[in-house]
All heavy atoms as atom14 arrays in JSON, in Angstrom:
{
  "sequence": "KAQHIANPGCFATCIQLALLPAAAMHLLDKD",
  "atom14_mask": [
    [1, 1, 1, 1, 1, 1, 1, 1, 1, 0, 0, 0, 0, 0],
    [1, 1, 1, 1, 1, 0, 0, 0, 0, 0, 0, 0, 0, 0],
    [1, 1, 1, 1, 1, 1, 1, 1, 1, 0, 0, 0, 0, 0],
    [1, 1, 1, 1, 1, 1, 1, 1, 1, 1, 0, 0, 0, 0],
    [1, 1, 1, 1, 1, 1, 1, 1, 0, 0, 0, 0, 0, 0],
    [1, 1, 1, 1, 1, 0, 0, 0, 0, 0, 0, 0, 0, 0],
    [1, 1, 1, 1, 1, 1, 1, 1, 0, 0, 0, 0, 0, 0],
    [1, 1, 1, 1, 1, 1, 1, 0, 0, 0, 0, 0, 0, 0],
    [1, 1, 1, 1, 0, 0, 0, 0, 0, 0, 0, 0, 0, 0],
    [1, 1, 1, 1, 1, 1, 0, 0, 0, 0, 0, 0, 0, 0],
    [1, 1, 1, 1, 1, 1, 1, 1, 1, 1, 1, 0, 0, 0],
    [1, 1, 1, 1, 1, 0, 0, 0, 0, 0, 0, 0, 0, 0],
    [1, 1, 1, 1, 1, 1, 1, 0, 0, 0, 0, 0, 0, 0],
    [1, 1, 1, 1, 1, 1, 0, 0, 0, 0, 0, 0, 0, 0],
    [1, 1, 1, 1, 1, 1, 1, 1, 0, 0, 0, 0, 0, 0],
    [1, 1, 1, 1, 1, 1, 1, 1, 1, 0, 0, 0, 0, 0],
    [1, 1, 1, 1, 1, 1, 1, 1, 0, 0, 0, 0, 0, 0],
    [1, 1, 1, 1, 1, 0, 0, 0, 0, 0, 0, 0, 0, 0],
    [1, 1, 1, 1, 1, 1, 1, 1, 0, 0, 0, 0, 0, 0],
    [1, 1, 1, 1, 1, 1, 1, 1, 0, 0, 0, 0, 0, 0],
    [1, 1, 1, 1, 1, 1, 1, 0, 0, 0, 0, 0, 0, 0],
    [1, 1, 1, 1, 1, 0, 0, 0, 0, 0, 0, 0, 0, 0],
    [1, 1, 1, 1, 1, 0, 0, 0, 0, 0, 0, 0, 0, 0],
    [1, 1, 1, 1, 1, 0, 0, 0, 0, 0, 0, 0, 0, 0],
    [1, 1, 1, 1, 1, 1, 1, 1, 0, 0, 0, 0, 0, 0],
    [1, 1, 1, 1, 1, 1, 1, 1, 1, 1, 0, 0, 0, 0],
    [1, 1, 1, 1, 1, 1, 1, 1, 0, 0, 0, 0, 0, 0],
    [1, 1, 1, 1, 1, 1, 1, 1, 0, 0, 0, 0, 0, 0],
    [1, 1, 1, 1, 1, 1, 1, 1, 0, 0, 0, 0, 0, 0],
    [1, 1, 1, 1, 1, 1, 1, 1, 1, 0, 0, 0, 0, 0],
    [1, 1, 1, 1, 1, 1, 1, 1, 0, 0, 0, 0, 0, 0]
  ],
  "atom14_positions": [
    [[0.81, -1.23, 0.0], [0.0, 0.0, 0.0], [0.84, 1.27, 0.0], [0.29, 2.37, -0.05], [-0.91, -0.01, 1.23], [-1.91, -1.14, 1.27], [-2.8, -1.08, 2.5], [-2.02, -1.39, 3.77], [-2.91, -1.44, 4.97], [0.0, 0.0, 0.0], [0.0, 0.0, 0.0], [0.0, 0.0, 0.0], [0.0, 0.0, 0.0], [0.0, 0.0, 0.0]],
    [[2.16, 1.13, 0.06], [3.02, 2.29, 0.3], [3.27, 3.11, -0.95], [3.26, 2.61, -2.07], [4.36, 1.82, 0.87], [0.0, 0.0, 0.0], [0.0, 0.0, 0.0], [0.0, 0.0, 0.0], [0.0, 0.0, 0.0], [0.0, 0.0, 0.0], [0.0, 0.0, 0.0], [0.0, 0.0, 0.0], [0.0, 0.0, 0.0], [0.0, 0.0, 0.0]],
    [[3.52, 4.4, -0.72], [3.95, 5.3, -1.78], [5.46, 5.49, -1.75], [6.09, 5.69, -2.78], [3.26, 6.67, -1.63], [3.46, 7.63, -2.78], [2.73, 7.19, -4.06], [1.93, 6.26, -4.03], [3.02, 7.85, -5.17], [0.0, 0.0, 0.0], [0.0, 0.0, 0.0], [0.0, 0.0, 0.0], [0.0, 0.0, 0.0], [0.0, 0.0, 0.0]],
    [[6.04, 5.4, -0.55], [7.48, 5.59, -0.36], [8.05, 4.42, 0.45], [7.49, 4.05, 1.48], [7.78, 6.89, 0.4], [7.28, 8.12, -0.29], [6.93, 9.25, 0.4], [7.1, 8.39, -1.61], [6.54, 10.17, -0.46], [6.63, 9.67, -1.69], [0.0, 0.0, 0.0], [0.0, 0.0, 0.0], [0.0, 0.0, 0.0], [0.0, 0.0, 0.0]],
    [[9.15, 3.85, -0.02], [9.79, 2.71, 0.64], [11.22, 3.07, 1.02], [11.99, 3.6, 0.2], [9.82, 1.47, -0.28], [8.41, 0.96, -0.52], [10.7, 0.36, 0.31], [7.73, 0.37, 0.7], [0.0, 0.0, 0.0], [0.0, 0.0, 0.0], [0.0, 0.0, 0.0], [0.0, 0.0, 0.0], [0.0, 0.0, 0.0], [0.0, 0.0, 0.0]],
    [[11.6, 2.76, 2.26], [12.99, 2.82, 2.69], [13.55, 1.41, 2.63], [13.19, 0.56, 3.45], [13.09, 3.38, 4.12], [0.0, 0.0, 0.0], [0.0, 0.0, 0.0], [0.0, 0.0, 0.0], [0.0, 0.0, 0.0], [0.0, 0.0, 0.0], [0.0, 0.0, 0.0], [0.0, 0.0, 0.0], [0.0, 0.0, 0.0], [0.0, 0.0, 0.0]],
    [[14.37, 1.15, 1.62], [14.9, -0.2, 1.43], [15.91, -0.53, 2.53], [16.77, 0.29, 2.85], [15.58, -0.28, 0.06], [15.47, -1.64, -0.58], [14.37, -2.13, -0.82], [16.6, -2.26, -0.86], [0.0, 0.0, 0.0], [0.0, 0.0, 0.0], [0.0, 0.0, 0.0], [0.0, 0.0, 0.0], [0.0, 0.0, 0.0], [0.0, 0.0, 0.0]],
    [[15.85, -1.72, 3.12], [16.76, -2.05, 4.23], [18.22, -2.1, 3.82], [18.55, -2.31, 2.65], [16.27, -3.43, 4.67], [14.86, -3.5, 4.23], [14.82, -2.75, 2.94], [0.0, 0.0, 0.0], [0.0, 0.0, 0.0], [0.0, 0.0, 0.0], [0.0, 0.0, 0.0], [0.0, 0.0, 0.0], [0.0, 0.0, 0.0], [0.0, 0.0, 0.0]],
    [[19.11, -1.96, 4.79], [20.53, -2.1, 4.56], [20.92, -3.56, 4.37], [20.17, -4.48, 4.72], [0.0, 0.0, 0.0], [0.0, 0.0, 0.0], [0.0, 0.0, 0.0], [0.0, 0.0, 0.0], [0.0, 0.0, 0.0], [0.0, 0.0, 0.0], [0.0, 0.0, 0.0], [0.0, 0.0, 0.0], [0.0, 0.0, 0.0], [0.0, 0.0, 0.0]],
    [[22.11, -3.78, 3.82], [22.54, -5.14, 3.49], [22.82, -5.97, 4.74], [22.27, -7.07, 4.91], [23.74, -5.11, 2.55], [25.12, -4.09, 3.11], [0.0, 0.0, 0.0], [0.0, 0.0, 0.0], [0.0, 0.0, 0.0], [0.0, 0.0, 0.0], [0.0, 0.0, 0.0], [0.0, 0.0, 0.0], [0.0, 0.0, 0.0], [0.0, 0.0, 0.0]],
    [[23.7, -5.47, 5.64], [23.94, -6.19, 6.89], [22.63, -6.34, 7.67], [22.35, -7.38, 8.26], [24.95, -5.44, 7.76], [26.39, -5.8, 7.53], [27.36, -4.82, 7.41], [26.79, -7.13, 7.46], [28.69, -5.16, 7.2], [28.12, -7.47, 7.27], [29.06, -6.48, 7.14], [0.0, 0.0, 0.0], [0.0, 0.0, 0.0], [0.0, 0.0, 0.0]],
    [[21.84, -5.26, 7.68], [20.59, -5.29, 8.44], [19.66, -6.39, 7.94], [19.06, -7.11, 8.73], [19.9, -3.93, 8.34], [0.0, 0.0, 0.0], [0.0, 0.0, 0.0], [0.0, 0.0, 0.0], [0.0, 0.0, 0.0], [0.0, 0.0, 0.0], [0.0, 0.0, 0.0], [0.0, 0.0, 0.0], [0.0, 0.0, 0.0], [0.0, 0.0, 0.0]],
    [[19.55, -6.54, 6.62], [18.69, -7.58, 6.06], [19.16, -8.96, 6.5], [18.38, -9.78, 7.01], [18.68, -7.5, 4.53], [18.08, -6.26, 4.13], [17.9, -8.65, 3.93], [0.0, 0.0, 0.0], [0.0, 0.0, 0.0], [0.0, 0.0, 0.0], [0.0, 0.0, 0.0], [0.0, 0.0, 0.0], [0.0, 0.0, 0.0], [0.0, 0.0, 0.0]],
    [[20.44, -9.24, 6.32], [20.98, -10.56, 6.63], [20.83, -10.89, 8.11], [20.42, -12.0, 8.48], [22.45, -10.61, 6.21], [23.14, -12.29, 6.16], [0.0, 0.0, 0.0], [0.0, 0.0, 0.0], [0.0, 0.0, 0.0], [0.0, 0.0, 0.0], [0.0, 0.0, 0.0], [0.0, 0.0, 0.0], [0.0, 0.0, 0.0], [0.0, 0.0, 0.0]],
    [[21.12, -9.94, 8.97], [21.08, -10.18, 10.41], [19.64, -10.26, 10.92], [19.3, -11.12, 11.75], [21.88, -9.1, 11.16], [23.36, -9.22, 10.79], [21.69, -9.21, 12.66], [24.2, -8.03, 11.22], [0.0, 0.0, 0.0], [0.0, 0.0, 0.0], [0.0, 0.0, 0.0], [0.0, 0.0, 0.0], [0.0, 0.0, 0.0], [0.0, 0.0, 0.0]],
    [[18.78, -9.39, 10.42], [17.38, -9.46, 10.82], [16.75, -10.81, 10.46], [16.01, -11.39, 11.26], [16.58, -8.34, 10.14], [16.83, -6.97, 10.73], [16.09, -5.89, 9.97], [14.98, -5.53, 10.34], [16.68, -5.39, 8.91], [0.0, 0.0, 0.0], [0.0, 0.0, 0.0], [0.0, 0.0, 0.0], [0.0, 0.0, 0.0], [0.0, 0.0, 0.0]],
    [[17.05, -11.29, 9.27], [16.46, -12.55, 8.84], [16.96, -13.72, 9.69], [16.28, -14.74, 9.81], [16.73, -12.78, 7.36], [16.03, -11.76, 6.43], [16.41, -12.02, 4.98], [14.52, -11.76, 6.62], [0.0, 0.0, 0.0], [0.0, 0.0, 0.0], [0.0, 0.0, 0.0], [0.0, 0.0, 0.0], [0.0, 0.0, 0.0], [0.0, 0.0, 0.0]],
    [[18.14, -13.56, 10.3], [18.63, -14.56, 11.24], [17.92, -14.48, 12.59], [17.7, -15.5, 13.25], [20.14, -14.4, 11.44], [0.0, 0.0, 0.0], [0.0, 0.0, 0.0], [0.0, 0.0, 0.0], [0.0, 0.0, 0.0], [0.0, 0.0, 0.0], [0.0, 0.0, 0.0], [0.0, 0.0, 0.0], [0.0, 0.0, 0.0], [0.0, 0.0, 0.0]],
    [[17.53, -13.27, 13.0], [17.05, -13.05, 14.36], [15.53, -12.95, 14.5], [14.98, -13.25, 15.57], [17.66, -11.78, 14.93], [19.19, -11.73, 15.07], [19.63, -10.38, 15.64], [19.68, -12.86, 15.97], [0.0, 0.0, 0.0], [0.0, 0.0, 0.0], [0.0, 0.0, 0.0], [0.0, 0.0, 0.0], [0.0, 0.0, 0.0], [0.0, 0.0, 0.0]],
    [[14.83, -12.53, 13.47], [13.41, -12.22, 13.63], [12.53, -13.43, 13.99], [11.6, -13.27, 14.79], [12.87, -11.53, 12.37], [13.38, -10.09, 12.19], [12.89, -9.52, 10.87], [12.95, -9.2, 13.35], [0.0, 0.0, 0.0], [0.0, 0.0, 0.0], [0.0, 0.0, 0.0], [0.0, 0.0, 0.0], [0.0, 0.0, 0.0], [0.0, 0.0, 0.0]],
    [[12.8, -14.64, 13.46], [11.99, -15.77, 13.95], [12.17, -16.0, 15.45], [11.21, -16.34, 16.15], [12.53, -16.95, 13.13], [13.06, -16.33, 11.88], [13.67, -15.03, 12.33], [0.0, 0.0, 0.0], [0.0, 0.0, 0.0], [0.0, 0.0, 0.0], [0.0, 0.0, 0.0], [0.0, 0.0, 0.0], [0.0, 0.0, 0.0], [0.0, 0.0, 0.0]],
    [[13.39, -15.82, 15.94], [13.63, -15.94, 17.39], [12.89, -14.85, 18.15], [12.35, -15.09, 19.24], [15.13, -15.89, 17.68], [0.0, 0.0, 0.0], [0.0, 0.0, 0.0], [0.0, 0.0, 0.0], [0.0, 0.0, 0.0], [0.0, 0.0, 0.0], [0.0, 0.0, 0.0], [0.0, 0.0, 0.0], [0.0, 0.0, 0.0], [0.0, 0.0, 0.0]],
    [[12.85, -13.64, 17.57], [12.09, -12.55, 18.19], [10.61, -12.89, 18.26], [9.93, -12.6, 19.26], [12.31, -11.26, 17.41], [0.0, 0.0, 0.0], [0.0, 0.0, 0.0], [0.0, 0.0, 0.0], [0.0, 0.0, 0.0], [0.0, 0.0, 0.0], [0.0, 0.0, 0.0], [0.0, 0.0, 0.0], [0.0, 0.0, 0.0], [0.0, 0.0, 0.0]],
    [[10.08, -13.51, 17.2], [8.67, -13.89, 17.18], [8.35, -14.91, 18.27], [7.21, -14.99, 18.74], [8.3, -14.44, 15.81], [0.0, 0.0, 0.0], [0.0, 0.0, 0.0], [0.0, 0.0, 0.0], [0.0, 0.0, 0.0], [0.0, 0.0, 0.0], [0.0, 0.0, 0.0], [0.0, 0.0, 0.0], [0.0, 0.0, 0.0], [0.0, 0.0, 0.0]],
    [[9.37, -15.69, 18.67], [9.2, -16.67, 19.76], [9.61, -16.09, 21.11], [9.67, -16.81, 22.11], [10.02, -17.94, 19.45], [9.49, -18.74, 18.29], [10.48, -20.24, 17.93], [11.78, -19.55, 16.9], [0.0, 0.0, 0.0], [0.0, 0.0, 0.0], [0.0, 0.0, 0.0], [0.0, 0.0, 0.0], [0.0, 0.0, 0.0], [0.0, 0.0, 0.0]],
    [[9.92, -14.78, 21.15], [10.29, -14.06, 22.37], [11.52, -14.68, 23.04], [11.59, -14.79, 24.26], [9.11, -14.02, 23.34], [7.91, -13.31, 22.79], [7.77, -11.95, 22.82], [6.8, -13.79, 22.16], [6.62, -11.61, 22.26], [6.02, -12.72, 21.83], [0.0, 0.0, 0.0], [0.0, 0.0, 0.0], [0.0, 0.0, 0.0], [0.0, 0.0, 0.0]],
    [[12.5, -15.03, 22.22], [13.73, -15.65, 22.73], [14.86, -14.66, 22.94], [15.89, -15.01, 23.5], [14.2, -16.74, 21.76], [13.23, -17.88, 21.44], [13.89, -18.88, 20.5], [12.77, -18.56, 22.72], [0.0, 0.0, 0.0], [0.0, 0.0, 0.0], [0.0, 0.0, 0.0], [0.0, 0.0, 0.0], [0.0, 0.0, 0.0], [0.0, 0.0, 0.0]],
    [[14.69, -13.42, 22.48], [15.81, -12.46, 22.5], [15.74, -11.6, 23.76], [15.43, -10.4, 23.73], [15.78, -11.59, 21.24], [15.79, -12.34, 19.91], [15.84, -11.36, 18.74], [16.95, -13.32, 19.85], [0.0, 0.0, 0.0], [0.0, 0.0, 0.0], [0.0, 0.0, 0.0], [0.0, 0.0, 0.0], [0.0, 0.0, 0.0], [0.0, 0.0, 0.0]],
    [[16.06, -12.21, 24.89], [16.04, -11.47, 26.15], [17.42, -11.36, 26.78], [17.57, -10.82, 27.88], [15.07, -12.13, 27.14], [15.39, -13.6, 27.39], [16.33, -14.13, 26.76], [14.7, -14.23, 28.22], [0.0, 0.0, 0.0], [0.0, 0.0, 0.0], [0.0, 0.0, 0.0], [0.0, 0.0, 0.0], [0.0, 0.0, 0.0], [0.0, 0.0, 0.0]],
    [[18.44, -11.87, 26.09], [19.83, -11.75, 26.56], [20.68, -11.18, 25.43], [20.26, -11.15, 24.27], [20.37, -13.11, 26.99], [19.63, -13.74, 28.17], [20.24, -15.09, 28.54], [19.56, -15.68, 29.76], [18.14, -16.01, 29.5], [0.0, 0.0, 0.0], [0.0, 0.0, 0.0], [0.0, 0.0, 0.0], [0.0, 0.0, 0.0], [0.0, 0.0, 0.0]],
    [[21.87, -10.71, 25.78], [22.76, -10.12, 24.78], [23.04, -11.11, 23.66], [23.19, -12.32, 23.89], [24.07, -9.67, 25.42], [23.88, -8.51, 26.38], [22.76, -7.98, 26.47], [24.87, -8.12, 27.04], [0.0, 0.0, 0.0], [0.0, 0.0, 0.0], [0.0, 0.0, 0.0], [0.0, 0.0, 0.0], [0.0, 0.0, 0.0], [0.0, 0.0, 0.0]]
  ]
}
Protein backbone atom coordinates (compact mmCIF):
# COMPACT_ATOMS: atom_id res chain seq x y z
CA LYS A 1 0.00 0.00 0.00
CA ALA A 2 3.02 2.29 0.30
CA GLN A 3 3.95 5.30 -1.78
CA HIS A 4 7.48 5.59 -0.36
CA ILE A 5 9.79 2.71 0.64
CA ALA A 6 12.99 2.82 2.69
CA ASN A 7 14.90 -0.20 1.43
CA PRO A 8 16.76 -2.05 4.23
CA GLY A 9 20.53 -2.10 4.56
CA CYS A 10 22.54 -5.14 3.49
CA PHE A 11 23.94 -6.19 6.89
CA ALA A 12 20.59 -5.29 8.44
CA THR A 13 18.69 -7.58 6.06
CA CYS A 14 20.98 -10.56 6.63
CA ILE A 15 21.08 -10.18 10.41
CA GLN A 16 17.38 -9.46 10.82
CA LEU A 17 16.46 -12.55 8.84
CA ALA A 18 18.63 -14.56 11.24
CA LEU A 19 17.05 -13.05 14.36
CA LEU A 20 13.41 -12.22 13.63
CA PRO A 21 11.99 -15.77 13.95
CA ALA A 22 13.63 -15.94 17.39
CA ALA A 23 12.09 -12.55 18.19
CA ALA A 24 8.67 -13.89 17.18
CA MET A 25 9.20 -16.67 19.76
CA HIS A 26 10.29 -14.06 22.37
CA LEU A 27 13.73 -15.65 22.73
CA LEU A 28 15.81 -12.46 22.50
CA ASP A 29 16.04 -11.47 26.15
CA LYS A 30 19.83 -11.75 26.56
CA ASP A 31 22.76 -10.12 24.78
